[in-house]
Structure formats: C-alpha cells, structure tokens
Amino acid sequence: MKKLLLLGLVGLLLTGCSEEDKVERKIQIDFNNEYYQVASPYKPSISGSYVVNNVLNNYNINDIENSYMMLSSNYFKTTNSLYQAGQYFSRNDLEKLLSSDNLNKEEKVKINGVEITPTYVSSLYEQNYLTNNGNLKGITIGIIINPYQAYLGDFGNYDYEEVPITTLEPIIIEKSKKVIEYIRTKPELKEVKVLVGVYLQNRPNALLPGGIKYVGITNDDSITLNKINYEYQYLNSNYVMTNDINIYNAFGNLEKQIKKIRDTINVSAKGLYQNNKLQNVEITVHSGTFNSGELLYLSNTISNEMENFDSQLTIQVVVKSNNSVLAFINKESNSLKSNVYILGG
C-alpha cells in the first residue's frame, strides 16, 4: 500500500525555493518507502481551487487531494513520475465550465415532490504527472459531484434533497465526456493521457468526507467509466464492525488502553477503504491538557498497541491539546515498529 505525500507538507518543504531558480530538479517526499517526487521550483495550482458557490456544499480539499493522489499512483507510478499541481485549468476555465451555461446547465427537476434547479458539478480538480525529465506524462481530473441539492424551505431556511444514484449515473457519464472534449481543445493536451475520477460529496454537515466512485482513463476523445469505491469510515462504525472486525477490535483495544490513562481523553479514528479494503488509518487523540509524564506514557502506550493492528497498514496518530500538536506517532506498512515524535508537553 502506498502512503503518499500530504500537500500541506509540500508547502513547508518548498518554502525556501527562490523565484529565480529555474532549474528543474526533484524533491523527494518519502512516506512508507514509496513516494512521489515533486518538481522544483514548485508551481501552485493555477485554478485557485475554484468551487461553485452552492448552498450546503460539503467540499474538503485536503481529502480530495490525498484521495486523487492515491488513485493516480495506480496509473502514474511513484517510481518514475513527478508530481505537479494543476497547470492547465485556470480559474477562468473553471468559471466557464462550471457555469449554468455549461456543465451545470440543467432543467428543473422534482425530487420527492420538491422542485429544484440542480447544480451537480461543484468543482473540477487537476493534478499533473511528469516524466523524470519534466515532460507532461498525464493529468488527473477530479469531477466533484454534489448529490445533495439545496432548496429554500417554507420558513426561509435551506434544506436539501438527495438525488438517487440511478438519476446521477447517466449525468456523471455525460459530464465526463464533456470534460474530455474540453481538455482536447487545448493544443498541449490533445494526446496526453487523462485519468478521470468522479468524487461524490458526502451529505452536508457530515463528519466524514465523500469518496471517488467512478474512474476512467483515456488517450483519445472518449472515456469509459468503471465503478470504484474510495471512502473513509470511522473505525468504531457499524460498517467496520460488520466488514472488518479485526481492525474494529484493534481500535477498541487501543481506545481502552488510552482511557485507562485518563477517561476524559478523546480518541477518534478513520480509515480510507478502497473497494472495502483498508488502505491507511488516521487516529486523533485529544485532551485539554497533558503533562510531560502523561504525554510520554501515552505515546509509549499508543506505540505498543500499534503492534495489534495489521502489519500491512500505515497508521498515523496525532496527539493534540486544544489546537496544538504535542506528539506524532507513525507506523509504516509492513513494519511492526513505530516512530514516536514528541513535540511538546
């Protein structure tokens, strides 16, 4: 399993790059012994992560970035591809494509008796993948779909109706074809490999993000989408208890050991599943205060308990007090050993 770079870390690592530095070089970001290398000087996305101003829109850019990077690693290998933020879809492109005259041109529909003018496409998200000499190898395009359509209720408040997947699927196929057609109008993208992943947002105010549900790849003017399932689940959820009892029990035991230290410590964990197979785990341990002794003992307890999880998993644990990160514990896949970093206490 590949644990790929988090884009927030990229910004920290590339801060020192000079604007005058035009030499194309590689910066290696290593997670779990597999990595993307980032071409330098670093270029931010030219779209500015433009999103349609839509009521009750649930859009988490960090989860979207990480999900698409993990998806892309199946098609643009980490061993021979350089990562670059999107350089071909500008903000003007997205404003044009996402307008009600283009991808979001829709007739009014009735859902459960409510008449709605839907806005299905919330955003288009782009990642670029380069060859080792800096030439464009391919691009990944995320089509972000909002199944939860907002409307104004009788009392002036906004509510929403969920569009069933049977209605959404032909719409998704149509939108994907239009995006490919637009890409091929750009001379520099006429023959490049394009990976399309369709991301369905979760319901408004949901604690978990959405996930990628369709994927397709093409070198020409058409695309065929196949169903896939990238989604996050809480490790104490009914889904995990039913489908992944070992990880459910491992997390339950970890939480029990932490609560023995102090019952008021809050523990939450989510895992990213690909087609019902767990890929990685993110755990947050939080309390109002930790003294130095508690922090050391807690970190040691967490590190020991990680041995009870599947050795193939990458697990990251963040220990926080209020908004401050006090410790970070990381276990790479295919390893029983975890690394503990104490940052405060």
Protein backbone atom coordinates (compact mmCIF):
# COMPACT_ATOMS: atom_id res chain seq x y z
CA MET A 1 0.00 0.00 0.00
CA LYS A 2 1.33 3.44 -0.87
CA LYS A 3 1.13 6.30 1.57
CA LEU A 4 1.68 9.41 -0.49
CA LEU A 5 2.70 12.94 0.37
CA LEU A 6 0.31 15.28 2.07
CA LEU A 7 0.20 18.57 0.19
CA GLY A 8 0.32 20.60 3.37
CA LEU A 9 3.78 19.17 3.99
CA VAL A 10 4.89 20.09 0.49
CA GLY A 11 4.35 23.76 1.19
CA LEU A 12 6.54 23.56 4.28
CA LEU A 13 9.31 21.76 2.46
CA LEU A 14 9.36 24.07 -0.54
CA THR A 15 9.21 27.43 1.20
CA GLY A 16 12.85 28.13 0.57
CA CYS A 17 12.70 27.84 -3.25
CA SER A 18 13.76 31.03 -5.00
CA GLU A 19 11.50 32.52 -7.65
CA GLU A 20 14.63 32.94 -9.79
CA ASP A 21 15.54 29.27 -9.53
CA LYS A 22 14.57 27.93 -12.95
CA VAL A 23 16.46 24.63 -12.66
CA GLU A 24 14.12 21.64 -12.90
CA ARG A 25 15.05 19.37 -10.02
CA LYS A 26 13.38 16.76 -7.86
CA ILE A 27 12.42 16.99 -4.21
CA GLN A 28 11.77 13.64 -2.63
CA ILE A 29 8.88 13.26 -0.19
CA ASP A 30 9.12 9.82 1.38
CA PHE A 31 6.18 8.05 3.03
CA ASN A 32 6.22 4.33 3.61
CA ASN A 33 9.30 3.83 1.40
CA GLU A 34 7.31 4.88 -1.68
CA TYR A 35 6.94 8.44 -2.82
CA TYR A 36 6.18 10.96 -5.49
CA GLN A 37 8.97 13.36 -6.29
CA VAL A 38 7.89 16.97 -6.69
CA ALA A 39 9.39 19.02 -9.49
CA SER A 40 11.02 22.24 -8.33
CA PRO A 41 10.57 25.16 -8.46
CA TYR A 42 7.15 24.36 -7.06
CA LYS A 43 4.20 25.72 -9.03
CA PRO A 44 0.87 26.17 -7.23
CA SER A 45 -2.36 25.26 -8.97
CA ILE A 46 -3.44 27.98 -11.40
CA SER A 47 -7.15 27.41 -10.67
CA GLY A 48 -7.05 28.54 -7.05
CA SER A 49 -9.29 25.54 -6.15
CA TYR A 50 -12.36 27.32 -7.53
CA VAL A 51 -15.65 25.85 -6.25
CA VAL A 52 -19.19 26.73 -7.27
CA ASN A 53 -20.83 28.93 -4.63
CA ASN A 54 -23.50 26.41 -3.76
CA VAL A 55 -25.53 26.29 -0.56
CA LEU A 56 -24.78 23.32 1.74
CA ASN A 57 -21.73 22.41 -0.33
CA ASN A 58 -19.52 19.91 1.55
CA TYR A 59 -16.07 20.12 -0.10
CA ASN A 60 -12.87 19.13 1.71
CA ILE A 61 -9.86 19.98 -0.46
CA ASN A 62 -7.33 18.07 1.69
CA ASP A 63 -9.24 14.79 1.46
CA ILE A 64 -9.82 15.33 -2.25
CA GLU A 65 -6.11 15.98 -2.90
CA ASN A 66 -5.00 12.90 -0.98
CA SER A 67 -7.67 10.63 -2.49
CA TYR A 68 -6.74 11.62 -6.05
CA MET A 69 -3.02 11.26 -5.39
CA MET A 70 -3.59 7.73 -4.09
CA LEU A 71 -5.80 6.93 -7.10
CA SER A 72 -3.22 8.36 -9.51
CA SER A 73 -0.47 6.16 -8.08
CA ASN A 74 -2.17 3.18 -9.77
CA TYR A 75 -1.69 4.79 -13.20
CA PHE A 76 1.30 7.15 -12.84
CA LYS A 77 3.82 5.17 -10.81
CA THR A 78 5.58 6.84 -7.91
CA THR A 79 8.89 5.34 -9.07
CA ASN A 80 9.01 7.18 -12.41
CA SER A 81 6.59 10.13 -12.14
CA LEU A 82 6.98 13.65 -10.77
CA TYR A 83 4.01 15.35 -9.12
CA GLN A 84 2.94 18.86 -10.08
CA ALA A 85 -0.12 20.87 -9.08
CA GLY A 86 -2.59 21.54 -11.92
CA GLN A 87 -1.26 23.91 -14.60
CA TYR A 88 -3.87 23.65 -17.37
CA PHE A 89 -7.27 24.51 -15.85
CA SER A 90 -7.24 28.20 -14.90
CA ARG A 91 -9.80 29.91 -12.70
CA ASN A 92 -11.37 31.37 -15.85
CA ASP A 93 -11.62 27.87 -17.30
CA LEU A 94 -13.42 26.60 -14.21
CA GLU A 95 -15.76 29.59 -14.01
CA LYS A 96 -16.72 28.98 -17.63
CA LEU A 97 -17.06 25.20 -17.35
CA LEU A 98 -18.97 25.23 -14.06
CA SER A 99 -21.45 27.92 -15.10
CA SER A 100 -25.15 27.35 -15.62
CA ASP A 101 -24.49 27.69 -19.37
CA ASN A 102 -22.12 24.72 -19.45
CA LEU A 103 -21.63 21.70 -17.15
CA ASN A 104 -24.29 22.99 -14.76
CA LYS A 105 -26.91 23.76 -17.38
CA GLU A 106 -29.89 21.78 -16.08
CA GLU A 107 -33.65 21.77 -16.31
CA LYS A 108 -35.71 21.93 -13.14
CA VAL A 109 -36.43 18.53 -11.62
CA LYS A 110 -38.75 17.23 -8.91
CA ILE A 111 -37.21 15.13 -6.14
CA ASN A 112 -39.62 13.80 -3.52
CA GLY A 113 -42.12 16.44 -4.59
CA VAL A 114 -39.63 19.32 -4.30
CA GLU A 115 -38.84 21.31 -7.46
CA ILE A 116 -35.11 22.04 -7.72
CA THR A 117 -32.78 23.54 -10.31
CA PRO A 118 -29.77 21.29 -9.66
CA THR A 119 -26.09 22.20 -9.61
CA TYR A 120 -24.41 18.83 -9.90
CA VAL A 121 -20.75 19.72 -10.58
CA SER A 122 -19.20 21.54 -7.62
CA SER A 123 -15.65 21.72 -8.95
CA LEU A 124 -13.04 20.27 -11.27
CA TYR A 125 -9.78 19.32 -9.60
CA GLU A 126 -6.50 18.83 -11.51
CA GLN A 127 -3.18 17.11 -10.81
CA ASN A 128 -0.28 16.78 -13.29
CA TYR A 129 2.24 13.94 -13.54
CA LEU A 130 5.57 14.47 -15.32
CA THR A 131 8.30 12.26 -16.68
CA ASN A 132 11.69 12.38 -14.96
CA ASN A 133 12.90 14.96 -17.47
CA GLY A 134 9.94 17.23 -16.75
CA ASN A 135 7.69 16.46 -19.74
CA LEU A 136 3.97 16.01 -19.15
CA LYS A 137 3.11 12.31 -18.81
CA GLY A 138 -0.57 12.65 -17.95
CA ILE A 139 -3.14 14.57 -15.96
CA THR A 140 -5.67 13.55 -13.38
CA ILE A 141 -9.01 15.34 -13.41
CA GLY A 142 -11.41 15.07 -10.50
CA ILE A 143 -15.05 15.76 -11.24
CA ILE A 144 -16.63 16.69 -7.91
CA ILE A 145 -20.33 15.82 -7.86
CA ASN A 146 -22.83 17.05 -5.27
CA PRO A 147 -25.76 14.59 -4.89
CA TYR A 148 -27.38 16.81 -2.21
CA GLN A 149 -29.32 19.59 -3.91
CA ALA A 150 -30.29 22.61 -1.86
CA TYR A 151 -33.64 24.39 -1.91
CA LEU A 152 -35.29 27.16 0.09
CA GLY A 153 -37.81 25.79 2.58
CA ASP A 154 -41.15 27.26 3.65
CA PHE A 155 -39.62 29.10 6.59
CA GLY A 156 -36.76 30.71 4.68
CA ASN A 157 -34.19 28.11 5.69
CA TYR A 158 -32.23 25.94 3.26
CA ASP A 159 -32.78 22.21 3.13
CA TYR A 160 -31.67 19.59 0.64
CA GLU A 161 -32.80 16.52 -1.26
CA GLU A 162 -30.54 13.67 -2.28
CA VAL A 163 -30.51 12.79 -5.98
CA PRO A 164 -30.62 8.99 -6.35
CA ILE A 165 -27.61 7.33 -7.99
CA THR A 166 -29.84 5.93 -10.73
CA THR A 167 -30.53 9.53 -11.78
CA LEU A 168 -26.96 10.70 -11.23
CA GLU A 169 -25.10 7.98 -13.13
CA PRO A 170 -26.09 8.98 -16.70
CA ILE A 171 -25.47 12.62 -15.75
CA ILE A 172 -21.98 11.73 -14.49
CA ILE A 173 -21.19 9.90 -17.75
CA GLU A 174 -22.38 12.88 -19.79
CA LYS A 175 -20.35 15.40 -17.74
CA SER A 176 -17.21 13.25 -18.00
CA LYS A 177 -17.46 13.18 -21.79
CA LYS A 178 -17.86 16.97 -21.92
CA VAL A 179 -14.80 17.45 -19.70
CA ILE A 180 -12.71 15.23 -22.02
CA GLU A 181 -13.99 17.17 -25.05
CA TYR A 182 -12.90 20.42 -23.41
CA ILE A 183 -9.48 19.05 -22.49
CA ARG A 184 -8.86 18.06 -26.13
CA THR A 185 -9.49 21.65 -27.27
CA LYS A 186 -6.24 22.65 -25.54
CA PRO A 187 -3.39 22.09 -28.05
CA GLU A 188 -0.94 20.91 -25.36
CA LEU A 189 -3.46 18.31 -24.12
CA LYS A 190 -4.66 16.84 -27.42
CA GLU A 191 -2.88 13.49 -26.98
CA VAL A 192 -1.98 13.36 -23.30
CA LYS A 193 -3.22 10.52 -21.08
CA VAL A 194 -6.14 11.69 -18.92
CA LEU A 195 -7.30 9.95 -15.75
CA VAL A 196 -10.81 10.93 -14.65
CA GLY A 197 -12.10 10.17 -11.16
CA VAL A 198 -15.61 11.11 -10.12
CA TYR A 199 -15.86 12.13 -6.47
CA LEU A 200 -19.27 12.14 -4.76
CA GLN A 201 -19.54 14.56 -1.87
CA ASN A 202 -21.00 13.37 1.42
CA ARG A 203 -24.18 14.82 2.87
CA PRO A 204 -23.98 18.39 4.19
CA ASN A 205 -22.50 18.68 7.70
CA ALA A 206 -21.31 15.05 7.60
CA LEU A 207 -18.18 14.46 9.67
CA LEU A 208 -16.63 12.17 7.06
CA PRO A 209 -15.70 13.32 3.55
CA GLY A 210 -17.06 11.80 0.37
CA GLY A 211 -15.20 9.45 -1.95
CA ILE A 212 -14.25 8.54 -5.51
CA LYS A 213 -16.93 6.31 -7.03
CA TYR A 214 -16.06 6.16 -10.76
CA VAL A 215 -12.77 6.10 -12.65
CA GLY A 216 -11.68 6.03 -16.29
CA ILE A 217 -8.51 6.66 -18.30
CA THR A 218 -8.14 7.67 -21.94
CA ASN A 219 -5.68 8.74 -24.63
CA ASP A 220 -8.36 9.86 -27.08
CA ASP A 221 -11.62 11.84 -27.25
CA SER A 222 -13.87 9.38 -25.41
CA ILE A 223 -13.88 7.82 -21.96
CA THR A 224 -15.47 4.81 -20.28
CA LEU A 225 -16.09 4.98 -16.52
CA ASN A 226 -15.85 2.00 -14.19
CA LYS A 227 -17.21 1.84 -10.66
CA ILE A 228 -14.73 2.06 -7.80
CA ASN A 229 -15.11 2.88 -4.12
CA TYR A 230 -12.67 5.10 -2.22
CA GLU A 231 -14.30 6.19 1.02
CA TYR A 232 -13.50 6.97 4.65
CA GLN A 233 -15.09 5.10 7.56
CA TYR A 234 -14.81 5.62 11.31
CA LEU A 235 -13.14 2.60 12.87
CA ASN A 236 -15.86 2.31 15.54
CA SER A 237 -18.68 2.38 12.97
CA ASN A 238 -21.17 -0.38 12.20
CA TYR A 239 -19.61 -0.65 8.74
CA VAL A 240 -16.18 -1.55 10.18
CA MET A 241 -17.68 -3.83 12.83
CA THR A 242 -19.53 -5.75 10.10
CA ASN A 243 -16.86 -5.79 7.39
CA ASP A 244 -13.52 -5.53 9.21
CA ILE A 245 -13.89 -6.94 12.73
CA ASN A 246 -10.12 -7.23 13.34
CA ILE A 247 -9.48 -3.51 12.83
CA TYR A 248 -12.65 -2.74 14.82
CA ASN A 249 -11.32 -4.75 17.78
CA ALA A 250 -7.77 -3.37 17.44
CA PHE A 251 -9.04 0.20 17.64
CA GLY A 252 -11.37 -0.70 20.52
CA ASN A 253 -8.42 -2.12 22.49
CA LEU A 254 -6.30 0.96 21.74
CA GLU A 255 -9.07 3.26 22.96
CA LYS A 256 -9.49 1.14 26.12
CA GLN A 257 -5.79 1.41 26.97
CA ILE A 258 -5.80 5.17 26.40
CA LYS A 259 -8.88 5.61 28.60
CA LYS A 260 -7.04 3.82 31.43
CA ILE A 261 -4.61 6.75 31.49
CA ARG A 262 -7.43 9.25 31.79
CA ASP A 263 -11.07 8.66 30.96
CA THR A 264 -11.59 12.17 29.59
CA ILE A 265 -9.12 11.69 26.72
CA ASN A 266 -10.98 11.70 23.39
CA VAL A 267 -9.96 9.18 20.72
CA SER A 268 -11.24 9.13 17.13
CA ALA A 269 -10.03 7.22 14.09
CA LYS A 270 -10.92 6.97 10.44
CA GLY A 271 -9.65 4.68 7.70
CA LEU A 272 -9.59 5.04 3.92
CA TYR A 273 -11.11 2.00 2.21
CA GLN A 274 -10.60 1.09 -1.43
CA ASN A 275 -13.24 -1.39 -2.58
CA ASN A 276 -13.76 -2.49 1.05
CA LYS A 277 -10.02 -2.99 1.69
CA LEU A 278 -8.49 -0.71 4.31
CA GLN A 279 -5.59 1.37 2.94
CA ASN A 280 -4.49 3.57 5.86
CA VAL A 281 -5.57 4.75 9.30
CA GLU A 282 -5.58 8.23 10.83
CA ILE A 283 -6.07 8.50 14.61
CA THR A 284 -6.53 11.66 16.68
CA VAL A 285 -6.02 11.66 20.46
CA HIS A 286 -7.16 14.85 22.15
CA SER A 287 -7.45 16.34 25.62
CA GLY A 288 -7.46 19.80 27.15
CA THR A 289 -4.11 19.24 28.87
CA PHE A 290 -1.29 16.71 29.07
CA ASN A 291 1.65 16.98 31.45
CA SER A 292 5.05 15.71 30.32
CA GLY A 293 4.75 12.38 32.14
CA GLU A 294 1.29 11.69 30.72
CA LEU A 295 2.42 12.57 27.22
CA LEU A 296 5.38 10.22 27.33
CA TYR A 297 3.38 7.37 28.83
CA LEU A 298 0.51 7.93 26.38
CA SER A 299 2.85 7.93 23.38
CA ASN A 300 4.52 4.73 24.58
CA THR A 301 1.12 3.08 25.10
CA ILE A 302 -0.03 4.00 21.59
CA SER A 303 3.22 2.75 20.07
CA ASN A 304 2.87 -0.62 21.84
CA GLU A 305 -0.78 -1.01 20.84
CA MET A 306 0.03 -0.45 17.16
CA GLU A 307 1.53 -3.94 17.14
CA ASN A 308 -2.04 -5.29 17.37
CA PHE A 309 -3.03 -3.70 14.05
CA ASP A 310 -2.49 -5.35 10.66
CA SER A 311 1.23 -5.00 9.90
CA GLN A 312 0.46 -4.00 6.29
CA LEU A 313 -1.32 -0.82 7.38
CA THR A 314 0.19 2.64 7.52
CA ILE A 315 -1.05 4.26 10.74
CA GLN A 316 -0.61 7.88 11.78
CA VAL A 317 -1.56 9.13 15.25
CA VAL A 318 -1.69 12.80 16.23
CA VAL A 319 -1.84 13.73 19.94
CA LYS A 320 -3.34 17.18 20.44
CA SER A 321 -4.13 19.56 23.27
CA ASN A 322 -6.60 22.22 22.17
CA ASN A 323 -5.17 23.34 18.80
CA SER A 324 -1.55 22.31 19.49
CA VAL A 325 0.02 19.08 18.25
CA LEU A 326 2.08 17.57 21.08
CA ALA A 327 3.12 14.23 19.59
CA PHE A 328 3.09 12.31 16.32
CA ILE A 329 3.32 8.51 16.10
CA ASN A 330 3.81 6.88 12.71
CA LYS A 331 3.86 3.20 11.73
CA GLU A 332 4.70 2.36 8.14
CA SER A 333 3.21 -0.60 6.32
CA ASN A 334 4.95 -3.99 6.55
CA SER A 335 6.58 -2.91 9.80
CA LEU A 336 5.82 -3.60 13.45
CA LYS A 337 7.99 -0.69 14.55
CA SER A 338 6.51 2.78 15.04
CA ASN A 339 8.31 6.11 15.26
CA VAL A 340 7.38 8.50 18.09
CA TYR A 341 7.98 12.25 17.85
CA ILE A 342 7.38 14.33 20.98
CA LEU A 343 6.77 17.96 20.06
CA GLY A 344 5.58 19.41 23.35
CA GLY A 345 4.10 18.71 26.75
